[in-house]
Amino acid sequence: MIRSLVRLVPEQDVESHLLHDEGEQVIDLVRHHGIVYVVPALELVGVLALWLLALLGPIQLGWFFLIGGLALAGHASYLLARERRDVFVITDMRVFRASGVFSVRIATMPITRILDITVEKPLVGRILGYGHFVFESAAQAQGLRDIRFIGDPDGRDLTIQRVVQRSGLRTRSAIDRQMFDGR
């Protein structure tokens, strides 16, 4: 039921934010792990409970339960849309995050500015397969620092590291190659 509701929410328009003139290509489009839909699902169960109370409970309070159920359904719908429209995009030039339901917020960081990525995997995240990214860059106050509830965080980290490596920003020197190759 939740999946069918999530599919009703319009996708974030990532293509309009790409630098087509520069040949920018999407490497990975990352959505939140399914765990973020637990709270909206529980709220929808609460909506059903409130509506049952409206039917089976005291008739004088039926309107209260109906309005409460509508308010809770509206909040659950907003949470579903917020999580669905929050995407993290890895391109061959940068990483960016597009989010927002009623208005869109874009936070961008060029690949050249990524100094460090910390992957945090809480115990529940290790069991269910999600984690969080913390980006460090030269500009500490930025809009793209914490990306939470990312599925397959290790694989996504490797994808970003490959993009950084291919961009030529981190190359091993001849001495490093000799040391690592055992020469």
C-alpha atoms as a PDB file:
ATOM      1  CA  MET A   1       0.000   0.000   0.000  1.00  0.00           C
ATOM      2  CA  ILE A   2       2.803   2.426   0.904  1.00  0.00           C
ATOM      3  CA  ARG A   3       4.655   1.693  -2.343  1.00  0.00           C
ATOM      4  CA  SER A   4       1.589   2.502  -4.399  1.00  0.00           C
ATOM      5  CA  LEU A   5       1.154   5.781  -2.508  1.00  0.00           C
ATOM      6  CA  VAL A   6       4.837   6.638  -2.972  1.00  0.00           C
ATOM      7  CA  ARG A   7       4.548   6.101  -6.730  1.00  0.00           C
ATOM      8  CA  LEU A   8       1.805   8.739  -6.858  1.00  0.00           C
ATOM      9  CA  VAL A   9       4.272  11.427  -5.725  1.00  0.00           C
ATOM     10  CA  PRO A  10       5.920  13.173  -8.693  1.00  0.00           C
ATOM     11  CA  GLU A  11       9.632  12.545  -9.178  1.00  0.00           C
ATOM     12  CA  GLN A  12      12.228  15.219  -8.542  1.00  0.00           C
ATOM     13  CA  ASP A  13      13.316  16.672 -11.914  1.00  0.00           C
ATOM     14  CA  VAL A  14      17.031  15.882 -11.840  1.00  0.00           C
ATOM     15  CA  GLU A  15      17.590  16.322 -15.584  1.00  0.00           C
ATOM     16  CA  SER A  16      16.868  20.044 -15.429  1.00  0.00           C
ATOM     17  CA  HIS A  17      19.752  20.514 -12.976  1.00  0.00           C
ATOM     18  CA  LEU A  18      22.413  18.831 -15.115  1.00  0.00           C
ATOM     19  CA  LEU A  19      25.007  20.781 -17.072  1.00  0.00           C
ATOM     20  CA  HIS A  20      24.119  19.362 -20.486  1.00  0.00           C
ATOM     21  CA  ASP A  21      26.387  21.862 -22.291  1.00  0.00           C
ATOM     22  CA  GLU A  22      29.356  20.452 -20.351  1.00  0.00           C
ATOM     23  CA  GLY A  23      28.374  16.840 -20.976  1.00  0.00           C
ATOM     24  CA  GLU A  24      27.529  16.085 -17.348  1.00  0.00           C
ATOM     25  CA  GLN A  25      26.288  12.517 -16.862  1.00  0.00           C
ATOM     26  CA  VAL A  26      24.454  10.983 -13.905  1.00  0.00           C
ATOM     27  CA  ILE A  27      26.495   8.157 -12.379  1.00  0.00           C
ATOM     28  CA  ASP A  28      24.065   7.270  -9.576  1.00  0.00           C
ATOM     29  CA  LEU A  29      20.713   8.626  -8.419  1.00  0.00           C
ATOM     30  CA  VAL A  30      20.250   7.715  -4.769  1.00  0.00           C
ATOM     31  CA  ARG A  31      16.920   7.672  -2.975  1.00  0.00           C
ATOM     32  CA  HIS A  32      16.401   7.134   0.719  1.00  0.00           C
ATOM     33  CA  HIS A  33      16.279   3.627   2.121  1.00  0.00           C
ATOM     34  CA  GLY A  34      12.777   2.240   2.694  1.00  0.00           C
ATOM     35  CA  ILE A  35      13.151   2.687   6.462  1.00  0.00           C
ATOM     36  CA  VAL A  36      12.176   6.359   6.055  1.00  0.00           C
ATOM     37  CA  TYR A  37       8.636   5.278   5.164  1.00  0.00           C
ATOM     38  CA  VAL A  38       8.002   3.561   8.514  1.00  0.00           C
ATOM     39  CA  VAL A  39       6.699   6.692  10.267  1.00  0.00           C
ATOM     40  CA  PRO A  40       4.265   7.608   7.457  1.00  0.00           C
ATOM     41  CA  ALA A  41       3.060   3.988   7.390  1.00  0.00           C
ATOM     42  CA  LEU A  42       2.436   4.047  11.136  1.00  0.00           C
ATOM     43  CA  GLU A  43       0.585   7.335  10.753  1.00  0.00           C
ATOM     44  CA  LEU A  44      -1.640   5.762   8.093  1.00  0.00           C
ATOM     45  CA  VAL A  45      -2.417   2.926  10.513  1.00  0.00           C
ATOM     46  CA  GLY A  46      -3.346   5.642  13.010  1.00  0.00           C
ATOM     47  CA  VAL A  47      -5.669   7.182  10.404  1.00  0.00           C
ATOM     48  CA  LEU A  48      -7.466   3.862  10.046  1.00  0.00           C
ATOM     49  CA  ALA A  49      -7.749   3.557  13.820  1.00  0.00           C
ATOM     50  CA  LEU A  50      -9.182   7.066  14.127  1.00  0.00           C
ATOM     51  CA  TRP A  51     -11.716   6.421  11.384  1.00  0.00           C
ATOM     52  CA  LEU A  52     -12.755   3.170  13.039  1.00  0.00           C
ATOM     53  CA  LEU A  53     -13.248   5.089  16.263  1.00  0.00           C
ATOM     54  CA  ALA A  54     -15.385   7.587  14.335  1.00  0.00           C
ATOM     55  CA  LEU A  55     -17.617   4.728  13.187  1.00  0.00           C
ATOM     56  CA  LEU A  56     -17.664   2.631  16.330  1.00  0.00           C
ATOM     57  CA  GLY A  57     -16.978   5.174  19.082  1.00  0.00           C
ATOM     58  CA  PRO A  58     -19.199   7.714  20.762  1.00  0.00           C
ATOM     59  CA  ILE A  59     -21.322   9.509  18.173  1.00  0.00           C
ATOM     60  CA  GLN A  60     -20.687  12.888  19.812  1.00  0.00           C
ATOM     61  CA  LEU A  61     -16.932  12.568  19.118  1.00  0.00           C
ATOM     62  CA  GLY A  62     -17.214  11.105  15.607  1.00  0.00           C
ATOM     63  CA  TRP A  63     -16.454  14.439  13.913  1.00  0.00           C
ATOM     64  CA  PHE A  64     -13.319  14.814  16.077  1.00  0.00           C
ATOM     65  CA  PHE A  65     -11.977  11.428  14.985  1.00  0.00           C
ATOM     66  CA  LEU A  66     -12.768  12.141  11.330  1.00  0.00           C
ATOM     67  CA  ILE A  67     -10.972  15.496  11.371  1.00  0.00           C
ATOM     68  CA  GLY A  68      -8.065  14.009  13.344  1.00  0.00           C
ATOM     69  CA  GLY A  69      -7.787  11.221  10.784  1.00  0.00           C
ATOM     70  CA  LEU A  70      -7.779  13.725   7.908  1.00  0.00           C
ATOM     71  CA  ALA A  71      -5.064  15.803   9.596  1.00  0.00           C
ATOM     72  CA  LEU A  72      -2.958  12.711  10.253  1.00  0.00           C
ATOM     73  CA  ALA A  73      -3.467  11.534   6.656  1.00  0.00           C
ATOM     74  CA  GLY A  74      -2.307  14.934   5.412  1.00  0.00           C
ATOM     75  CA  HIS A  75       0.809  14.767   7.562  1.00  0.00           C
ATOM     76  CA  ALA A  76       1.597  11.225   6.434  1.00  0.00           C
ATOM     77  CA  SER A  77       1.165  12.301   2.798  1.00  0.00           C
ATOM     78  CA  TYR A  78       3.557  15.201   3.327  1.00  0.00           C
ATOM     79  CA  LEU A  79       6.165  12.897   4.914  1.00  0.00           C
ATOM     80  CA  LEU A  80       5.841  10.461   1.997  1.00  0.00           C
ATOM     81  CA  ALA A  81       6.303  13.259  -0.532  1.00  0.00           C
ATOM     82  CA  ARG A  82       9.214  14.803   1.376  1.00  0.00           C
ATOM     83  CA  GLU A  83      11.168  11.549   1.470  1.00  0.00           C
ATOM     84  CA  ARG A  84      10.329  10.613  -2.119  1.00  0.00           C
ATOM     85  CA  ARG A  85      11.444  13.970  -3.513  1.00  0.00           C
ATOM     86  CA  ASP A  86      14.725  14.063  -1.567  1.00  0.00           C
ATOM     87  CA  VAL A  87      17.346  12.618  -3.924  1.00  0.00           C
ATOM     88  CA  PHE A  88      21.128  12.531  -3.854  1.00  0.00           C
ATOM     89  CA  VAL A  89      22.791  12.552  -7.271  1.00  0.00           C
ATOM     90  CA  ILE A  90      26.350  11.573  -8.142  1.00  0.00           C
ATOM     91  CA  THR A  91      27.518  12.858 -11.513  1.00  0.00           C
ATOM     92  CA  ASP A  92      30.872  12.789 -13.231  1.00  0.00           C
ATOM     93  CA  MET A  93      31.446  16.431 -12.168  1.00  0.00           C
ATOM     94  CA  ARG A  94      29.731  16.922  -8.823  1.00  0.00           C
ATOM     95  CA  VAL A  95      27.387  15.595  -6.205  1.00  0.00           C
ATOM     96  CA  PHE A  96      24.132  17.350  -5.491  1.00  0.00           C
ATOM     97  CA  ARG A  97      21.006  16.941  -3.467  1.00  0.00           C
ATOM     98  CA  ALA A  98      17.570  18.014  -4.650  1.00  0.00           C
ATOM     99  CA  SER A  99      14.845  18.162  -2.037  1.00  0.00           C
ATOM    100  CA  GLY A 100      11.554  19.831  -1.297  1.00  0.00           C
ATOM    101  CA  VAL A 101       7.854  19.257  -1.724  1.00  0.00           C
ATOM    102  CA  PHE A 102       6.406  22.699  -2.356  1.00  0.00           C
ATOM    103  CA  SER A 103       9.667  24.430  -3.237  1.00  0.00           C
ATOM    104  CA  VAL A 104      12.903  22.842  -4.430  1.00  0.00           C
ATOM    105  CA  ARG A 105      16.265  23.202  -2.722  1.00  0.00           C
ATOM    106  CA  ILE A 106      19.451  22.243  -4.573  1.00  0.00           C
ATOM    107  CA  ALA A 107      22.743  21.808  -2.699  1.00  0.00           C
ATOM    108  CA  THR A 108      25.783  21.170  -4.896  1.00  0.00           C
ATOM    109  CA  MET A 109      29.404  20.250  -4.268  1.00  0.00           C
ATOM    110  CA  PRO A 110      31.917  19.860  -7.098  1.00  0.00           C
ATOM    111  CA  ILE A 111      33.928  16.658  -7.002  1.00  0.00           C
ATOM    112  CA  THR A 112      37.055  18.800  -6.631  1.00  0.00           C
ATOM    113  CA  ARG A 113      35.825  20.127  -3.263  1.00  0.00           C
ATOM    114  CA  ILE A 114      35.240  16.770  -1.573  1.00  0.00           C
ATOM    115  CA  LEU A 115      38.005  16.317   0.974  1.00  0.00           C
ATOM    116  CA  ASP A 116      36.588  13.485   3.023  1.00  0.00           C
ATOM    117  CA  ILE A 117      33.508  11.299   3.253  1.00  0.00           C
ATOM    118  CA  THR A 118      32.543   9.653   6.501  1.00  0.00           C
ATOM    119  CA  VAL A 119      30.160   6.706   6.244  1.00  0.00           C
ATOM    120  CA  GLU A 120      28.215   6.107   9.439  1.00  0.00           C
ATOM    121  CA  LYS A 121      26.418   2.778   9.813  1.00  0.00           C
ATOM    122  CA  PRO A 122      24.414   2.394  13.020  1.00  0.00           C
ATOM    123  CA  LEU A 123      23.642  -1.136  14.200  1.00  0.00           C
ATOM    124  CA  VAL A 124      20.101  -1.076  12.804  1.00  0.00           C
ATOM    125  CA  GLY A 125      21.485   0.366   9.565  1.00  0.00           C
ATOM    126  CA  ARG A 126      23.991  -2.467   9.272  1.00  0.00           C
ATOM    127  CA  ILE A 127      21.214  -4.991   9.711  1.00  0.00           C
ATOM    128  CA  LEU A 128      18.800  -3.308   7.274  1.00  0.00           C
ATOM    129  CA  GLY A 129      21.411  -2.051   4.783  1.00  0.00           C
ATOM    130  CA  TYR A 130      21.450   1.713   5.193  1.00  0.00           C
ATOM    131  CA  GLY A 131      23.849   4.342   6.474  1.00  0.00           C
ATOM    132  CA  HIS A 132      24.585   8.044   6.547  1.00  0.00           C
ATOM    133  CA  PHE A 133      27.158  10.176   4.696  1.00  0.00           C
ATOM    134  CA  VAL A 134      28.990  13.134   6.198  1.00  0.00           C
ATOM    135  CA  PHE A 135      30.837  15.192   3.599  1.00  0.00           C
ATOM    136  CA  GLU A 136      33.792  17.342   4.558  1.00  0.00           C
ATOM    137  CA  SER A 137      34.932  20.061   2.210  1.00  0.00           C
ATOM    138  CA  ALA A 138      36.974  23.245   2.275  1.00  0.00           C
ATOM    139  CA  ALA A 139      33.770  25.211   2.934  1.00  0.00           C
ATOM    140  CA  GLN A 140      32.531  23.832   6.237  1.00  0.00           C
ATOM    141  CA  ALA A 141      29.203  25.677   6.212  1.00  0.00           C
ATOM    142  CA  GLN A 142      27.510  24.128   3.199  1.00  0.00           C
ATOM    143  CA  GLY A 143      24.159  22.696   2.239  1.00  0.00           C
ATOM    144  CA  LEU A 144      25.483  19.238   1.426  1.00  0.00           C
ATOM    145  CA  ARG A 145      27.020  17.943   4.632  1.00  0.00           C
ATOM    146  CA  ASP A 146      24.720  15.234   6.007  1.00  0.00           C
ATOM    147  CA  ILE A 147      22.945  12.769   3.741  1.00  0.00           C
ATOM    148  CA  ARG A 148      20.942  10.360   5.863  1.00  0.00           C
ATOM    149  CA  PHE A 149      19.348   6.951   5.270  1.00  0.00           C
ATOM    150  CA  ILE A 150      21.267   5.969   2.134  1.00  0.00           C
ATOM    151  CA  GLY A 151      20.870   2.377   0.951  1.00  0.00           C
ATOM    152  CA  ASP A 152      24.123   0.456   0.299  1.00  0.00           C
ATOM    153  CA  PRO A 153      26.355   3.165   1.776  1.00  0.00           C
ATOM    154  CA  ASP A 154      29.586   1.264   1.097  1.00  0.00           C
ATOM    155  CA  GLY A 155      28.739   0.829  -2.577  1.00  0.00           C
ATOM    156  CA  ARG A 156      27.765   4.496  -2.891  1.00  0.00           C
ATOM    157  CA  ASP A 157      31.007   5.528  -1.187  1.00  0.00           C
ATOM    158  CA  LEU A 158      32.996   3.437  -3.665  1.00  0.00           C
ATOM    159  CA  THR A 159      31.082   5.040  -6.540  1.00  0.00           C
ATOM    160  CA  ILE A 160      32.027   8.519  -5.325  1.00  0.00           C
ATOM    161  CA  GLN A 161      35.650   7.455  -4.801  1.00  0.00           C
ATOM    162  CA  ARG A 162      35.769   6.084  -8.373  1.00  0.00           C
ATOM    163  CA  VAL A 163      34.388   9.345  -9.777  1.00  0.00           C
ATOM    164  CA  VAL A 164      36.970  11.332  -7.812  1.00  0.00           C
ATOM    165  CA  GLN A 165      39.733   8.990  -8.986  1.00  0.00           C
ATOM    166  CA  ARG A 166      38.653   9.179 -12.642  1.00  0.00           C
ATOM    167  CA  SER A 167      38.519  12.956 -12.498  1.00  0.00           C
ATOM    168  CA  GLY A 168      42.280  12.870 -11.874  1.00  0.00           C
ATOM    169  CA  LEU A 169      42.124  14.625  -8.533  1.00  0.00           C
ATOM    170  CA  ARG A 170      43.642  11.777  -6.564  1.00  0.00           C
ATOM    171  CA  THR A 171      46.384  10.023  -8.442  1.00  0.00           C
ATOM    172  CA  ARG A 172      49.034   7.878  -6.888  1.00  0.00           C
ATOM    173  CA  SER A 173      52.557   9.078  -7.383  1.00  0.00           C
ATOM    174  CA  ALA A 174      55.191   6.748  -8.840  1.00  0.00           C
ATOM    175  CA  ILE A 175      56.668   6.231  -5.370  1.00  0.00           C
ATOM    176  CA  ASP A 176      53.244   5.330  -3.945  1.00  0.00           C
ATOM    177  CA  ARG A 177      52.615   2.866  -6.774  1.00  0.00           C
ATOM    178  CA  GLN A 178      55.972   1.203  -6.165  1.00  0.00           C
ATOM    179  CA  MET A 179      55.245   0.948  -2.450  1.00  0.00           C
ATOM    180  CA  PHE A 180      51.769  -0.515  -2.972  1.00  0.00           C
ATOM    181  CA  ASP A 181      52.792  -2.781  -5.859  1.00  0.00           C
ATOM    182  CA  GLY A 182      55.629  -4.268  -3.791  1.00  0.00           C
ATOM    183  CA  ARG A 183      58.545  -3.058  -5.936  1.00  0.00           C
END
